[in-house]
Amino acid sequence: MLNTRKVDALIINGDLKPTHHYILENGLKVECVDRIRLTLEIFMSRANNKESRLQVERARLKYEIPLLREWIHSAKMGEHPGFLGGGEYAVDVYYDFIKKRIRKIDEELQRDGEANNQKRLQRKRRGFNLISLAGYTNAGKSSLMSVLTGEKVFVEDRMFSTLSTTTKRLDGTSLPILLTDTIGFLHNLPPFVIEAFKNTVTEIFNADLILLIVDSSDDCMEVERKLSTSEKILFPDVEAERIFLVLNKTDRLDPMGRKELLENMRKRWQTPHIYLVSALTGEGVDVLIDSIMARFSRRVQFELILPQTGGTESLLTWLRKKTSISRLEYANDVRVVGACDEVDVKRIQKAVTDLKGKMTLDDAT
């Protein structure tokens, strides 16, 4: 005789539509959890500060709204064995509560986002270059962060161990370079989840350089899948020239495997900035650090004379985010003195030309 146990929940490896969710829970009388809901539950268990908890709560509430609409439409008032089981609110009342709660969370996250933006601007004014570590979840970003900064960063061999940002200074150099560890990417996350983590993801898009970390111990198809997911999130908002592709965990590959991976990535990525490293053994890390230092030691000093137009203000907003401005003066025209990376020179020159301004360069190298 077979032993039987009561089923507490049904886990579905896929994304349920609200109608399917209602039919399954109403028919089986058991909680049904799809891929997105399970991901959000993991997020909630690993959120370690106020901002990350708010971001996860917002994503969870946005996830529940279409489900609630379906229950309002299809079911009578009362409790059911799913995500509203045991709730004190009737379904429609809880629906109103969710909308009010989301508005409040949005206000708090907006304040946090503005504070984070001010921190970034202050760092730029002080001459710091900002690097973000990005990539698929569990690629080893936090481990590499610890190696690059020489400081202990929370590291666990599990998915989504980092939901908030951590910023540390690059070790072994006097150059003002800060690194930020960010949330890991995940395949086919719905837009509302990415939107909920806007404050965290913004750190990536505003970075001077992105280290895109890839788990090189995965098989070829998995590497391609995860890299494609990362590209969909980053492009077209980030230029490829602003990315270093870092193939981590190479200690798990034999020499032939490393050679094959590097050859494939050179064909795939079409950039010289590809690095084989192991955060565990330290192999290749020195080469990566040297490349980072070389990138930011080649700074170009510039002086701009711009007309007083709306287009000038848009350019100034971009310059404040992407360059180090040492002097800004408003008179009959706008005069800007600062320093930028070599990769940004042509972009600035084009913008200045379009505004009919003037740009003078002095290569700091």
Protein backbone atom coordinates (compact mmCIF):
# COMPACT_ATOMS: atom_id res chain seq x y z
CA MET A 1 0.00 0.00 0.00
CA LEU A 2 1.37 3.39 -1.00
CA ASN A 3 1.84 6.05 1.62
CA THR A 4 0.07 9.31 0.86
CA ARG A 5 0.68 12.78 2.20
CA LYS A 6 -1.40 15.92 2.09
CA VAL A 7 -0.30 18.29 -0.67
CA ASP A 8 0.42 21.77 0.74
CA ALA A 9 1.21 23.49 -2.56
CA LEU A 10 1.57 22.76 -6.25
CA ILE A 11 4.73 24.19 -7.87
CA ILE A 12 4.41 24.82 -11.60
CA ASN A 13 7.52 25.28 -13.77
CA GLY A 14 5.96 27.98 -15.93
CA ASP A 15 3.96 31.18 -15.76
CA LEU A 16 0.26 30.80 -15.00
CA LYS A 17 -2.31 33.09 -16.53
CA PRO A 18 -4.87 34.43 -14.01
CA THR A 19 -7.62 32.23 -15.46
CA HIS A 20 -5.48 29.10 -15.18
CA HIS A 21 -4.52 30.06 -11.63
CA TYR A 22 -8.18 30.42 -10.64
CA ILE A 23 -9.26 27.14 -12.23
CA LEU A 24 -6.40 25.17 -10.66
CA GLU A 25 -6.74 26.56 -7.15
CA ASN A 26 -10.52 26.44 -7.16
CA GLY A 27 -10.54 22.90 -8.51
CA LEU A 28 -7.66 21.37 -6.53
CA LYS A 29 -8.29 23.34 -3.31
CA VAL A 30 -4.57 23.81 -2.86
CA GLU A 31 -2.19 26.75 -3.31
CA CYS A 32 -0.67 26.89 -6.80
CA VAL A 33 2.70 28.60 -7.18
CA ASP A 34 4.12 29.38 -10.60
CA ARG A 35 7.68 30.32 -11.58
CA ILE A 36 7.25 34.06 -11.03
CA ARG A 37 5.58 33.64 -7.63
CA LEU A 38 8.29 31.23 -6.47
CA THR A 39 10.99 33.68 -7.62
CA LEU A 40 9.32 36.47 -5.65
CA GLU A 41 9.11 34.26 -2.55
CA ILE A 42 12.86 33.61 -2.82
CA PHE A 43 13.46 37.34 -3.31
CA MET A 44 11.46 38.13 -0.17
CA SER A 45 13.38 35.61 1.94
CA ARG A 46 16.71 37.15 0.88
CA ALA A 47 15.88 40.87 0.93
CA ASN A 48 18.28 42.24 3.56
CA ASN A 49 17.48 45.95 3.73
CA LYS A 50 14.50 48.30 3.55
CA GLU A 51 14.89 49.24 -0.11
CA SER A 52 15.18 45.67 -1.36
CA ARG A 53 12.22 44.59 0.79
CA LEU A 54 10.11 47.41 -0.67
CA GLN A 55 11.15 46.48 -4.21
CA VAL A 56 10.19 42.83 -3.66
CA GLU A 57 6.89 43.78 -2.02
CA ARG A 58 6.01 46.02 -4.97
CA ALA A 59 6.74 43.22 -7.45
CA ARG A 60 4.67 40.76 -5.41
CA LEU A 61 1.69 43.13 -5.22
CA LYS A 62 1.85 43.84 -8.96
CA TYR A 63 1.89 40.08 -9.51
CA GLU A 64 -1.26 39.67 -7.39
CA ILE A 65 -3.37 42.36 -9.09
CA PRO A 66 -4.38 40.36 -12.22
CA LEU A 67 -5.02 37.31 -10.03
CA LEU A 68 -7.33 39.34 -7.82
CA ARG A 69 -9.18 40.69 -10.82
CA GLU A 70 -9.82 37.14 -11.95
CA TRP A 71 -11.07 36.07 -8.53
CA ILE A 72 -13.33 39.11 -8.33
CA HIS A 73 -14.70 38.28 -11.75
CA SER A 74 -15.04 34.52 -11.31
CA ALA A 75 -15.51 33.76 -7.64
CA LYS A 76 -17.90 34.72 -4.91
CA MET A 77 -16.63 36.58 -1.88
CA GLY A 78 -14.86 34.48 0.71
CA GLU A 79 -11.61 32.78 1.43
CA HIS A 80 -9.98 30.18 -0.78
CA PRO A 81 -6.96 27.96 -0.28
CA GLY A 82 -4.56 30.05 -2.35
CA PHE A 83 -2.63 33.28 -1.81
CA LEU A 84 -5.66 34.91 -0.10
CA GLY A 85 -6.30 31.98 2.18
CA GLY A 86 -6.94 33.11 5.76
CA GLY A 87 -6.93 36.79 4.73
CA GLU A 88 -8.99 39.25 6.73
CA TYR A 89 -10.01 41.29 3.69
CA ALA A 90 -12.69 40.40 1.19
CA VAL A 91 -11.16 40.10 -2.27
CA ASP A 92 -12.30 43.49 -3.55
CA VAL A 93 -11.29 45.28 -0.35
CA TYR A 94 -7.86 43.66 -0.49
CA TYR A 95 -7.59 44.77 -4.11
CA ASP A 96 -8.06 48.41 -3.04
CA PHE A 97 -5.52 47.91 -0.27
CA ILE A 98 -2.94 46.65 -2.78
CA LYS A 99 -3.34 49.69 -5.03
CA LYS A 100 -2.91 52.08 -2.09
CA ARG A 101 0.10 50.15 -0.82
CA ILE A 102 1.79 50.25 -4.24
CA ARG A 103 1.35 54.03 -4.39
CA LYS A 104 2.98 54.37 -0.97
CA ILE A 105 5.86 52.08 -1.94
CA ASP A 106 6.39 54.05 -5.16
CA GLU A 107 6.73 57.24 -3.12
CA GLU A 108 9.29 55.66 -0.79
CA LEU A 109 11.29 54.14 -3.65
CA GLN A 110 11.28 57.46 -5.48
CA ARG A 111 12.80 59.13 -2.44
CA ASP A 112 15.39 56.36 -2.18
CA GLY A 113 16.14 56.67 -5.90
CA GLU A 114 16.66 60.43 -5.61
CA ALA A 115 18.99 59.89 -2.64
CA ASN A 116 20.96 57.27 -4.59
CA ASN A 117 21.21 59.63 -7.55
CA GLN A 118 22.61 62.35 -5.32
CA LYS A 119 25.22 59.91 -4.01
CA ARG A 120 26.26 59.07 -7.57
CA LEU A 121 26.53 62.74 -8.50
CA GLN A 122 28.61 63.48 -5.39
CA ARG A 123 30.96 60.62 -6.25
CA LYS A 124 31.34 61.91 -9.81
CA ARG A 125 32.06 65.43 -8.53
CA ARG A 126 34.76 63.98 -6.29
CA GLY A 127 36.32 62.35 -9.36
CA PHE A 128 35.30 58.74 -8.73
CA ASN A 129 34.84 56.34 -11.64
CA LEU A 130 31.92 53.95 -11.13
CA ILE A 131 31.96 50.27 -12.13
CA SER A 132 28.96 47.94 -11.84
CA LEU A 133 29.17 44.16 -11.70
CA ALA A 134 26.27 42.68 -13.67
CA GLY A 135 25.27 39.32 -15.03
CA TYR A 136 23.04 36.30 -14.62
CA THR A 137 22.25 35.24 -11.08
CA ASN A 138 24.84 33.01 -9.39
CA ALA A 139 27.59 33.91 -11.87
CA GLY A 140 29.94 34.78 -9.01
CA LYS A 141 29.56 38.58 -8.94
CA SER A 142 29.81 38.91 -5.17
CA SER A 143 32.82 36.59 -4.99
CA LEU A 144 34.62 38.60 -7.65
CA MET A 145 33.64 41.82 -5.86
CA SER A 146 35.38 40.57 -2.71
CA VAL A 147 38.55 39.75 -4.67
CA LEU A 148 38.64 43.08 -6.52
CA THR A 149 38.04 45.23 -3.43
CA GLY A 150 39.88 43.18 -0.81
CA GLU A 151 36.84 43.54 1.44
CA LYS A 152 34.40 40.95 2.68
CA VAL A 153 31.18 40.95 0.69
CA PHE A 154 28.22 38.68 1.47
CA VAL A 155 28.72 35.59 -0.70
CA GLU A 156 26.56 32.48 -1.00
CA ASP A 157 26.49 29.77 -3.64
CA ARG A 158 22.82 30.23 -4.37
CA MET A 159 20.61 32.27 -6.66
CA PHE A 160 19.52 35.81 -5.77
CA SER A 161 21.85 36.20 -2.78
CA THR A 162 22.27 39.88 -3.77
CA LEU A 163 19.10 41.98 -4.09
CA SER A 164 20.51 45.37 -3.12
CA THR A 165 23.65 47.25 -4.10
CA THR A 166 26.98 47.17 -2.29
CA THR A 167 29.69 49.70 -3.21
CA LYS A 168 33.40 49.31 -2.39
CA ARG A 169 36.66 50.81 -3.65
CA LEU A 170 38.94 48.93 -6.07
CA ASP A 171 41.90 47.52 -4.16
CA GLY A 172 45.57 47.99 -5.06
CA THR A 173 45.34 51.34 -6.84
CA SER A 174 45.29 55.02 -5.97
CA LEU A 175 42.89 55.69 -8.82
CA PRO A 176 39.43 56.72 -7.54
CA ILE A 177 37.44 53.69 -8.71
CA LEU A 178 34.31 52.34 -6.99
CA LEU A 179 32.70 48.96 -7.70
CA THR A 180 29.02 48.17 -7.12
CA ASP A 181 27.59 44.67 -6.84
CA THR A 182 24.04 44.45 -8.23
CA ILE A 183 21.09 42.08 -8.49
CA GLY A 184 21.52 39.09 -10.79
CA PHE A 185 19.62 38.82 -14.05
CA LEU A 186 17.04 36.11 -14.68
CA HIS A 187 15.52 34.77 -17.91
CA ASN A 188 12.06 36.02 -18.92
CA LEU A 189 11.34 38.13 -15.87
CA PRO A 190 8.13 40.11 -16.54
CA PRO A 191 8.47 43.90 -16.93
CA PHE A 192 6.79 44.63 -13.59
CA VAL A 193 9.52 42.73 -11.71
CA ILE A 194 12.31 44.60 -13.51
CA GLU A 195 10.46 47.86 -12.91
CA ALA A 196 10.23 47.10 -9.18
CA PHE A 197 14.03 46.86 -9.02
CA LYS A 198 14.52 50.07 -11.01
CA ASN A 199 16.61 51.70 -8.26
CA THR A 200 19.02 48.77 -8.21
CA VAL A 201 19.21 48.31 -11.99
CA THR A 202 19.81 52.06 -12.43
CA GLU A 203 23.24 51.56 -10.84
CA ILE A 204 24.17 49.41 -13.84
CA PHE A 205 23.02 51.84 -16.51
CA ASN A 206 24.73 54.82 -14.86
CA ALA A 207 28.10 53.08 -14.47
CA ASP A 208 31.19 54.26 -16.35
CA LEU A 209 32.09 50.61 -16.92
CA ILE A 210 30.16 47.36 -16.58
CA LEU A 211 31.81 44.06 -15.75
CA LEU A 212 29.42 41.53 -17.30
CA ILE A 213 30.08 38.33 -15.36
CA VAL A 214 29.43 34.94 -17.01
CA ASP A 215 29.62 31.52 -15.35
CA SER A 216 32.08 29.77 -17.66
CA SER A 217 31.49 26.38 -16.02
CA ASP A 218 28.07 26.12 -17.70
CA ASP A 219 27.75 24.21 -20.95
CA CYS A 220 27.82 26.15 -24.24
CA MET A 221 24.06 26.35 -24.64
CA GLU A 222 23.58 27.59 -21.08
CA VAL A 223 26.31 30.20 -21.47
CA GLU A 224 24.60 31.44 -24.64
CA ARG A 225 21.17 31.54 -22.98
CA LYS A 226 22.38 33.51 -19.97
CA LEU A 227 24.49 35.87 -22.06
CA SER A 228 21.53 36.56 -24.35
CA THR A 229 19.36 37.33 -21.32
CA SER A 230 21.95 39.81 -20.06
CA GLU A 231 22.18 41.46 -23.48
CA LYS A 232 18.42 41.94 -23.68
CA ILE A 233 18.49 43.81 -20.37
CA LEU A 234 21.57 45.91 -21.14
CA PHE A 235 21.10 46.78 -24.82
CA PRO A 236 20.49 49.27 -26.35
CA ASP A 237 20.78 51.43 -23.22
CA VAL A 238 24.44 50.51 -22.71
CA GLU A 239 27.11 50.75 -25.41
CA ALA A 240 29.17 47.59 -25.95
CA GLU A 241 32.36 49.68 -25.54
CA ARG A 242 31.34 50.27 -21.93
CA ILE A 243 31.33 46.54 -21.12
CA PHE A 244 34.11 44.14 -20.10
CA LEU A 245 33.04 40.51 -20.56
CA VAL A 246 34.38 38.53 -17.59
CA LEU A 247 34.28 34.73 -17.84
CA ASN A 248 34.34 33.61 -14.21
CA LYS A 249 34.87 30.18 -12.57
CA THR A 250 37.55 29.12 -15.08
CA ASP A 251 39.10 26.94 -12.35
CA ARG A 252 36.39 24.43 -13.27
CA LEU A 253 37.62 24.18 -16.88
CA ASP A 254 40.59 22.30 -18.31
CA PRO A 255 43.02 24.18 -20.62
CA MET A 256 41.23 22.96 -23.76
CA GLY A 257 37.87 24.06 -22.37
CA ARG A 258 39.21 27.54 -21.60
CA LYS A 259 40.68 27.89 -25.08
CA GLU A 260 37.44 26.80 -26.74
CA LEU A 261 35.37 29.15 -24.57
CA LEU A 262 37.62 32.12 -25.31
CA GLU A 263 37.52 31.44 -29.06
CA ASN A 264 33.73 31.18 -29.01
CA MET A 265 33.33 34.38 -27.03
CA ARG A 266 35.71 36.30 -29.31
CA LYS A 267 33.51 35.35 -32.26
CA ARG A 268 30.36 36.01 -30.26
CA TRP A 269 31.28 39.29 -28.54
CA GLN A 270 33.50 41.00 -31.14
CA THR A 271 35.54 43.00 -28.61
CA PRO A 272 39.05 42.71 -27.17
CA HIS A 273 37.72 43.18 -23.66
CA ILE A 274 37.19 39.52 -22.70
CA TYR A 275 38.80 38.14 -19.54
CA LEU A 276 39.15 34.63 -18.13
CA VAL A 277 39.19 34.75 -14.33
CA SER A 278 38.56 32.67 -11.25
CA ALA A 279 37.33 34.49 -8.16
CA LEU A 280 38.11 31.32 -6.20
CA THR A 281 41.81 30.96 -7.13
CA GLY A 282 42.53 34.55 -8.23
CA GLU A 283 43.65 33.41 -11.66
CA GLY A 284 43.34 36.18 -14.25
CA VAL A 285 42.23 38.80 -11.73
CA ASP A 286 45.47 40.79 -12.02
CA VAL A 287 45.02 41.08 -15.79
CA LEU A 288 41.44 42.30 -15.27
CA ILE A 289 42.55 44.89 -12.69
CA ASP A 290 45.34 46.13 -14.99
CA SER A 291 42.80 46.61 -17.79
CA ILE A 292 40.44 48.50 -15.47
CA MET A 293 43.24 50.78 -14.30
CA ALA A 294 44.39 51.37 -17.88
CA ARG A 295 40.84 52.22 -18.87
CA PHE A 296 40.51 54.93 -16.24
CA SER A 297 44.07 56.24 -16.33
CA ARG A 298 43.52 57.30 -19.94
CA ARG A 299 41.41 60.30 -19.07
CA VAL A 300 40.92 63.17 -21.48
CA GLN A 301 40.58 66.71 -20.16
CA PHE A 302 38.02 68.82 -22.00
CA GLU A 303 36.75 72.38 -22.03
CA LEU A 304 33.39 73.23 -23.58
CA ILE A 305 31.75 76.50 -24.57
CA LEU A 306 28.04 75.97 -25.15
CA PRO A 307 25.08 78.19 -26.02
CA GLN A 308 22.27 78.78 -23.52
CA THR A 309 19.69 76.40 -25.02
CA GLY A 310 17.54 73.50 -23.90
CA GLY A 311 19.81 71.11 -25.73
CA THR A 312 22.71 72.34 -23.62
CA GLU A 313 20.90 71.40 -20.42
CA SER A 314 20.30 67.88 -21.75
CA LEU A 315 24.01 67.55 -22.54
CA LEU A 316 24.95 68.86 -19.09
CA THR A 317 22.70 66.27 -17.46
CA TRP A 318 24.52 63.52 -19.39
CA LEU A 319 27.96 65.02 -18.57
CA ARG A 320 27.16 65.07 -14.85
CA LYS A 321 26.39 61.34 -14.98
CA LYS A 322 29.19 60.16 -17.26
CA THR A 323 32.13 62.55 -16.71
CA SER A 324 33.96 64.36 -13.92
CA ILE A 325 33.13 68.08 -14.06
CA SER A 326 35.58 70.35 -12.22
CA ARG A 327 34.13 73.71 -13.25
CA LEU A 328 30.75 74.88 -14.55
CA GLU A 329 30.04 78.54 -15.24
CA TYR A 330 26.94 80.27 -16.59
CA ALA A 331 27.30 83.68 -18.32
CA ASN A 332 26.34 84.67 -21.87
CA ASP A 333 27.27 81.08 -22.64
CA VAL A 334 27.97 77.93 -20.61
CA ARG A 335 31.57 76.92 -19.91
CA VAL A 336 32.40 73.42 -18.71
CA VAL A 337 35.76 71.99 -17.67
CA GLY A 338 36.11 68.31 -16.86
CA ALA A 339 37.55 64.90 -17.73
CA CYS A 340 36.07 61.96 -19.60
CA ASP A 341 36.99 58.49 -20.82
CA GLU A 342 38.38 58.09 -24.31
CA VAL A 343 35.30 56.14 -25.39
CA ASP A 344 33.10 59.18 -24.68
CA VAL A 345 35.12 61.79 -26.61
CA LYS A 346 33.44 61.30 -29.99
CA ARG A 347 29.98 61.32 -28.44
CA ILE A 348 30.67 64.60 -26.66
CA GLN A 349 32.22 66.13 -29.78
CA LYS A 350 29.12 65.29 -31.84
CA ALA A 351 26.78 66.74 -29.20
CA VAL A 352 28.82 69.96 -28.99
CA THR A 353 28.92 70.26 -32.79
CA ASP A 354 25.13 69.77 -33.00
CA LEU A 355 24.72 72.61 -30.48
CA LYS A 356 27.14 74.78 -32.47
CA GLY A 357 29.45 75.00 -29.48
CA LYS A 358 33.19 74.62 -29.10
CA MET A 359 35.25 71.80 -27.56
CA THR A 360 38.94 71.83 -26.63
CA LEU A 361 40.74 68.61 -25.67
CA ASP A 362 43.87 67.93 -23.65
CA ASP A 363 44.83 64.25 -23.46
CA ALA A 364 45.78 63.67 -19.79
CA THR A 365 48.01 60.73 -20.66
